[in-house]
Protein backbone atom coordinates (compact mmCIF):
# COMPACT_ATOMS: atom_id res chain seq x y z
CA MET A 1 116.52 120.73 87.64
CA SER A 2 113.71 121.77 90.05
CA VAL A 3 114.20 124.28 92.87
CA ILE A 4 113.41 123.97 96.49
CA SER A 5 113.79 126.44 99.20
CA VAL A 6 114.92 125.71 102.72
CA LYS A 7 114.56 127.92 105.69
CA VAL A 8 117.27 127.92 108.26
CA PRO A 9 117.98 130.26 111.24
CA ARG A 10 119.51 133.50 110.46
CA TRP A 11 122.71 132.58 112.45
CA VAL A 12 123.16 129.39 110.19
CA LYS A 13 122.80 131.65 106.96
CA GLU A 14 125.42 134.03 108.51
CA LYS A 15 127.86 131.16 109.38
CA MET A 16 127.23 129.87 105.68
CA LYS A 17 128.25 133.12 104.15
CA GLN A 18 131.49 133.06 106.20
CA TYR A 19 132.65 129.82 104.39
CA GLU A 20 130.86 130.35 100.93
CA ASN A 21 134.21 130.69 99.20
CA MET A 22 135.28 127.20 100.55
CA VAL A 23 132.00 125.47 100.25
CA ASN A 24 129.48 124.99 97.41
CA TRP A 25 126.37 125.00 99.57
CA PRO A 26 123.81 124.05 96.95
CA GLU A 27 125.99 120.98 96.00
CA GLU A 28 126.42 120.12 99.67
CA ILE A 29 122.79 120.13 100.17
CA ARG A 30 122.03 118.15 96.91
CA LYS A 31 124.61 115.40 98.16
CA SER A 32 122.87 115.46 101.52
CA ILE A 33 119.40 114.91 100.21
CA LEU A 34 120.63 112.22 97.77
CA ALA A 35 122.62 110.33 100.61
CA ARG A 36 119.35 110.44 102.74
CA LEU A 37 117.24 109.09 99.84
CA GLU A 38 119.55 106.19 99.15
CA GLU A 39 119.39 105.44 102.93
CA LEU A 40 115.64 105.47 102.95
CA GLU A 41 115.55 103.13 99.78
CA ARG A 42 117.98 100.69 101.27
CA LYS A 43 115.97 100.56 104.39
CA GLN A 44 112.77 99.99 102.38
CA ALA A 45 114.31 97.38 100.28
CA VAL A 46 115.55 95.48 103.70
CA GLU A 47 112.14 95.87 105.06
CA GLU A 48 110.64 94.33 101.80
CA ALA A 49 113.13 91.31 101.90
CA VAL A 50 112.28 90.61 105.54
CA LYS A 51 108.60 90.48 104.59
CA LEU A 52 109.26 88.10 101.74
CA LEU A 53 111.64 85.83 103.96
CA GLU A 54 108.80 85.62 106.64
CA ASN A 55 106.80 83.33 104.37
CA VAL A 56 109.79 81.10 103.50
CA ARG A 57 110.02 77.75 105.51
CA PRO A 58 113.61 77.22 106.96
CA ALA A 59 115.76 74.46 105.29
CA PRO A 60 116.06 71.11 107.15
CA LEU A 61 119.20 70.95 109.39
CA GLY A 62 122.15 69.89 107.29
CA THR A 63 120.82 71.15 103.90
CA ALA A 64 123.78 73.42 103.37
CA ALA A 65 126.46 70.87 104.02
CA ARG A 66 124.60 68.33 101.74
CA LEU A 67 124.38 70.84 98.76
CA VAL A 68 127.98 71.80 99.22
CA ARG A 69 129.01 68.11 99.20
CA GLU A 70 126.75 67.42 96.22
CA ASP A 71 128.37 70.42 94.20
CA ARG A 72 131.99 69.13 95.14
CA GLU A 73 131.29 65.72 94.06
CA SER A 74 129.72 66.77 90.79
CA HIS A 75 132.98 68.18 89.50
């Protein structure tokens, strides 16, 4: 594991000390960072998907209904 440092105002550190017996602060910070990274990766994936879809022509009207009907009739 790598180590990073985070600066917080003194009052925040004092508040954290009040609850250190109830909260595992390093674990909370790790979870928060991982959640933010996942959020950013999902956002990036959506943006990339939108870019790909911009180049796709829309299907003609009625295509979905036709495909469903063909699939149902094939069974």
